[in-house]
Amino acid sequence: MFYQLYRAAKRIPGIGALADMVLRTTRNIFWSLRPAPSTSLVVLPEDYIAFVESHILDDVFTLVEVGAGDGRVLRQLAARFPAAHFIGVDIQRAAVAEGSRHIAEYGIDNVELVCASCLEDTLSWSCDYLISRTALIYLNRREIELFLRKRLPEVRQALLLQEVVSLNTDTHASHFFAHPLGTLAEAAGQGAFTASTRLVDYGPWRRGNCWSGAEVIIRRIKAT
């Protein structure tokens, strides 16, 4: 019912952009205040985990995940890379608290969770890998450019992103944003990074020639 009203509102001249902004703002508030989901009800995104694992080149590294929730993906990765250090960042307080309790209960010593925005500088972002899965879709064009300018210098190896991307050079705004992430990253990286994008069959995130789900690899160019 809600999305039917939303789609109807978007067809009213002058209302579409406002409807998108209201929905994006509402979703941000929802995610920050939402109770932590039950572990038994959440299916791990195995394709995302496999994607990240396939591009990790070391056994000892630091990895930061944006939109980590309760850290369930990081706990899986931590079990497979016990010598690595994992930091999860999320605005969802309840999920961070629940995940931190789980980490303490099971004595997982190579994962930590932080409640913060990906634009905040209240924690160290220095890492070998930075990953995310449909977390950057809530940032507008100015914010995603700021995010890339801030975070790229901190990444020693690569950003591994499973996100929604624009299929051209424009940012498309709906109740989320689809950015040309590879293009923006290469511009923000000023020649220090190269980006590749592989479109994936990502159910609800495909819309003709506008946007698609994708795996984006933004890798630092090594000095020769």
Protein backbone atom coordinates (compact mmCIF):
# COMPACT_ATOMS: atom_id res chain seq x y z
CA MET A 1 0.00 0.00 0.00
CA PHE A 2 2.78 2.44 0.92
CA TYR A 3 4.62 1.96 -2.37
CA GLN A 4 1.39 2.22 -4.33
CA LEU A 5 0.81 5.64 -2.75
CA TYR A 6 4.44 6.55 -3.39
CA ARG A 7 4.24 5.63 -7.08
CA ALA A 8 0.97 7.54 -7.44
CA ALA A 9 2.49 10.63 -5.81
CA LYS A 10 5.47 10.52 -8.18
CA ARG A 11 3.15 10.95 -11.15
CA ILE A 12 1.87 14.30 -9.84
CA PRO A 13 3.80 17.20 -11.47
CA GLY A 14 6.22 18.79 -9.02
CA ILE A 15 5.63 16.12 -6.37
CA GLY A 16 7.93 13.34 -7.60
CA ALA A 17 11.23 14.82 -6.36
CA LEU A 18 9.66 15.73 -3.01
CA ALA A 19 8.23 12.22 -2.62
CA ASP A 20 11.69 10.73 -3.29
CA MET A 21 13.33 13.03 -0.74
CA VAL A 22 10.71 12.25 1.93
CA LEU A 23 11.10 8.50 1.38
CA ARG A 24 14.90 8.64 1.49
CA THR A 25 14.81 10.67 4.71
CA THR A 26 12.24 8.31 6.25
CA ARG A 27 14.36 5.29 5.36
CA ASN A 28 17.46 6.84 6.95
CA ILE A 29 15.54 7.47 10.17
CA PHE A 30 14.04 3.97 10.02
CA TRP A 31 17.44 2.28 9.66
CA SER A 32 19.01 4.30 12.46
CA LEU A 33 16.22 3.45 14.91
CA ARG A 34 15.18 -0.02 13.71
CA PRO A 35 15.47 -2.88 16.24
CA ALA A 36 18.12 -5.49 15.49
CA PRO A 37 16.74 -8.34 13.33
CA SER A 38 16.52 -11.85 14.69
CA THR A 39 19.57 -13.88 13.70
CA SER A 40 17.36 -16.81 12.76
CA LEU A 41 15.41 -14.72 10.24
CA VAL A 42 18.32 -13.29 8.28
CA VAL A 43 19.95 -15.16 5.40
CA LEU A 44 23.63 -14.46 4.88
CA PRO A 45 24.43 -12.88 1.49
CA GLU A 46 26.74 -15.67 0.38
CA ASP A 47 27.28 -14.10 -3.05
CA TYR A 48 28.56 -10.92 -1.38
CA ILE A 49 30.84 -12.87 0.95
CA ALA A 50 32.20 -14.91 -1.97
CA PHE A 51 32.77 -11.72 -3.99
CA VAL A 52 34.75 -10.14 -1.16
CA GLU A 53 36.76 -13.29 -0.45
CA SER A 54 37.71 -13.70 -4.11
CA HIS A 55 39.46 -10.32 -4.19
CA ILE A 56 41.35 -10.49 -0.90
CA LEU A 57 45.01 -11.06 -1.63
CA ASP A 58 46.43 -11.44 1.89
CA ASP A 59 45.96 -13.34 5.14
CA VAL A 60 46.86 -10.39 7.38
CA PHE A 61 44.89 -7.24 6.64
CA THR A 62 42.41 -4.71 8.00
CA LEU A 63 38.94 -4.58 6.45
CA VAL A 64 36.20 -2.01 7.07
CA GLU A 65 32.57 -2.66 6.13
CA VAL A 66 30.14 0.23 5.63
CA GLY A 67 26.59 -0.75 6.54
CA ALA A 68 27.74 -3.74 8.58
CA GLY A 69 24.57 -4.03 10.66
CA ASP A 70 25.17 -6.51 13.47
CA GLY A 71 28.40 -7.70 11.84
CA ARG A 72 27.17 -11.10 10.66
CA VAL A 73 29.13 -10.84 7.37
CA LEU A 74 32.26 -9.76 9.22
CA ARG A 75 31.94 -12.65 11.66
CA GLN A 76 31.89 -15.06 8.73
CA LEU A 77 34.92 -13.42 7.17
CA ALA A 78 36.71 -13.33 10.53
CA ALA A 79 36.33 -17.09 10.89
CA ARG A 80 37.91 -17.57 7.46
CA PHE A 81 40.68 -15.01 7.97
CA PRO A 82 41.59 -15.33 11.68
CA ALA A 83 44.77 -13.22 11.34
CA ALA A 84 42.87 -10.24 9.88
CA HIS A 85 41.14 -7.37 11.69
CA PHE A 86 37.56 -6.36 10.84
CA ILE A 87 35.70 -3.12 11.63
CA GLY A 88 31.99 -2.72 10.96
CA VAL A 89 30.39 0.72 10.70
CA ASP A 90 26.63 1.26 10.79
CA ILE A 91 24.12 3.93 11.87
CA GLN A 92 21.71 1.29 13.26
CA ARG A 93 22.34 1.49 17.01
CA ALA A 94 20.34 -1.59 17.97
CA ALA A 95 22.11 -3.78 15.41
CA VAL A 96 25.56 -2.55 16.49
CA ALA A 97 24.69 -3.19 20.14
CA GLU A 98 23.32 -6.67 19.41
CA GLY A 99 26.30 -7.57 17.25
CA SER A 100 28.74 -6.31 19.89
CA ARG A 101 27.05 -8.50 22.51
CA HIS A 102 27.36 -11.50 20.20
CA ILE A 103 31.03 -10.77 19.54
CA ALA A 104 31.74 -10.52 23.28
CA GLU A 105 29.70 -13.63 24.11
CA TYR A 106 31.57 -15.80 21.62
CA GLY A 107 34.98 -14.28 22.30
CA ILE A 108 35.54 -13.05 18.74
CA ASP A 109 38.60 -10.87 19.12
CA ASN A 110 39.20 -9.72 15.54
CA VAL A 111 35.87 -7.95 14.90
CA GLU A 112 34.67 -4.63 16.30
CA LEU A 113 31.51 -2.67 15.51
CA VAL A 114 31.12 1.11 15.58
CA CYS A 115 27.88 3.11 15.43
CA ALA A 116 28.71 5.95 13.05
CA SER A 117 28.01 7.39 9.63
CA CYS A 118 30.37 6.55 6.78
CA LEU A 119 31.02 10.30 6.47
CA GLU A 120 32.14 10.69 10.09
CA ASP A 121 35.81 10.95 10.99
CA THR A 122 35.37 9.77 14.58
CA LEU A 123 37.16 6.46 13.90
CA SER A 124 40.22 5.35 12.00
CA TRP A 125 39.37 4.45 8.40
CA SER A 126 42.88 3.25 7.59
CA CYS A 127 42.45 -0.19 6.02
CA ASP A 128 43.49 -2.56 3.27
CA TYR A 129 39.94 -3.23 2.07
CA LEU A 130 36.70 -1.29 2.35
CA ILE A 131 33.48 -3.14 1.49
CA SER A 132 29.75 -2.41 1.33
CA ARG A 133 26.51 -3.94 0.12
CA THR A 134 23.66 -1.56 -0.82
CA ALA A 135 24.78 0.90 1.86
CA LEU A 136 25.96 3.72 -0.40
CA ILE A 137 22.57 4.07 -2.12
CA TYR A 138 21.48 6.44 0.65
CA LEU A 139 24.17 9.02 -0.16
CA ASN A 140 23.35 11.79 -2.62
CA ARG A 141 25.83 12.93 -5.28
CA ARG A 142 27.57 15.45 -3.04
CA GLU A 143 27.79 12.91 -0.21
CA ILE A 144 29.14 10.04 -2.34
CA GLU A 145 31.79 12.33 -3.81
CA LEU A 146 32.72 13.43 -0.28
CA PHE A 147 32.80 9.81 0.88
CA LEU A 148 35.18 8.86 -1.93
CA ARG A 149 37.45 11.86 -1.37
CA LYS A 150 37.64 11.06 2.34
CA ARG A 151 38.00 7.28 2.21
CA LEU A 152 40.04 6.48 -0.90
CA PRO A 153 43.30 7.86 0.55
CA GLU A 154 42.83 5.55 3.56
CA VAL A 155 42.49 2.35 1.49
CA ARG A 156 45.72 0.50 0.72
CA GLN A 157 44.32 -2.23 -1.53
CA ALA A 158 40.74 -1.98 -2.81
CA LEU A 159 37.11 -1.02 -2.30
CA LEU A 160 34.88 -4.04 -2.96
CA LEU A 161 31.31 -2.86 -3.42
CA GLN A 162 28.10 -4.72 -4.18
CA GLU A 163 25.90 -1.73 -4.85
CA VAL A 164 23.35 -0.20 -7.19
CA VAL A 165 25.08 1.80 -9.92
CA SER A 166 24.09 4.21 -12.64
CA LEU A 167 24.54 2.84 -16.14
CA ASN A 168 25.70 6.23 -17.43
CA THR A 169 27.52 9.24 -16.00
CA ASP A 170 24.44 10.65 -14.26
CA THR A 171 23.25 10.05 -10.71
CA HIS A 172 19.69 8.74 -10.74
CA ALA A 173 17.49 9.63 -7.77
CA SER A 174 14.54 7.56 -6.68
CA HIS A 175 13.91 6.46 -3.08
CA PHE A 176 17.64 5.68 -3.31
CA PHE A 177 20.55 6.99 -5.39
CA ALA A 178 22.33 5.15 -8.19
CA HIS A 179 25.75 6.65 -8.89
CA PRO A 180 28.39 5.96 -11.56
CA LEU A 181 30.63 4.67 -8.80
CA GLY A 182 33.56 3.59 -10.94
CA THR A 183 33.75 6.92 -12.76
CA LEU A 184 33.43 8.93 -9.55
CA ALA A 185 36.05 6.83 -7.78
CA GLU A 186 38.60 7.21 -10.55
CA ALA A 187 38.03 10.98 -10.55
CA ALA A 188 38.31 11.21 -6.76
CA GLY A 189 41.36 8.94 -6.75
CA GLN A 190 43.26 11.28 -9.08
CA GLY A 191 45.01 8.51 -10.97
CA ALA A 192 45.76 6.34 -7.94
CA PHE A 193 42.86 3.91 -8.47
CA THR A 194 41.37 1.94 -11.32
CA ALA A 195 37.75 0.78 -11.31
CA SER A 196 35.92 -2.13 -12.92
CA THR A 197 32.21 -2.88 -12.80
CA ARG A 198 30.37 -6.16 -13.38
CA LEU A 199 26.59 -5.99 -13.59
CA VAL A 200 24.81 -8.67 -11.59
CA ASP A 201 21.31 -10.11 -11.58
CA TYR A 202 20.20 -8.19 -8.56
CA GLY A 203 16.42 -8.62 -8.71
CA PRO A 204 14.77 -5.35 -7.69
CA TRP A 205 17.77 -3.18 -8.60
CA ARG A 206 17.49 -3.23 -12.40
CA ARG A 207 15.69 -0.55 -14.35
CA GLY A 208 16.26 -0.49 -18.08
CA ASN A 209 19.10 1.79 -19.07
CA CYS A 210 19.18 3.74 -15.78
CA TRP A 211 20.67 1.57 -13.04
CA SER A 212 21.58 -1.98 -12.10
CA GLY A 213 22.99 -4.04 -9.30
CA ALA A 214 26.73 -4.42 -9.73
CA GLU A 215 29.99 -5.59 -8.23
CA VAL A 216 32.42 -2.68 -8.31
CA ILE A 217 36.14 -3.17 -7.70
CA ILE A 218 38.09 0.02 -7.08
CA ARG A 219 41.71 -1.06 -6.74
CA ARG A 220 44.73 1.05 -5.88
CA ILE A 221 47.32 1.14 -8.63
CA LYS A 222 50.61 -0.17 -7.31
CA ALA A 223 53.75 1.82 -8.00
CA THR A 224 56.12 0.07 -10.40
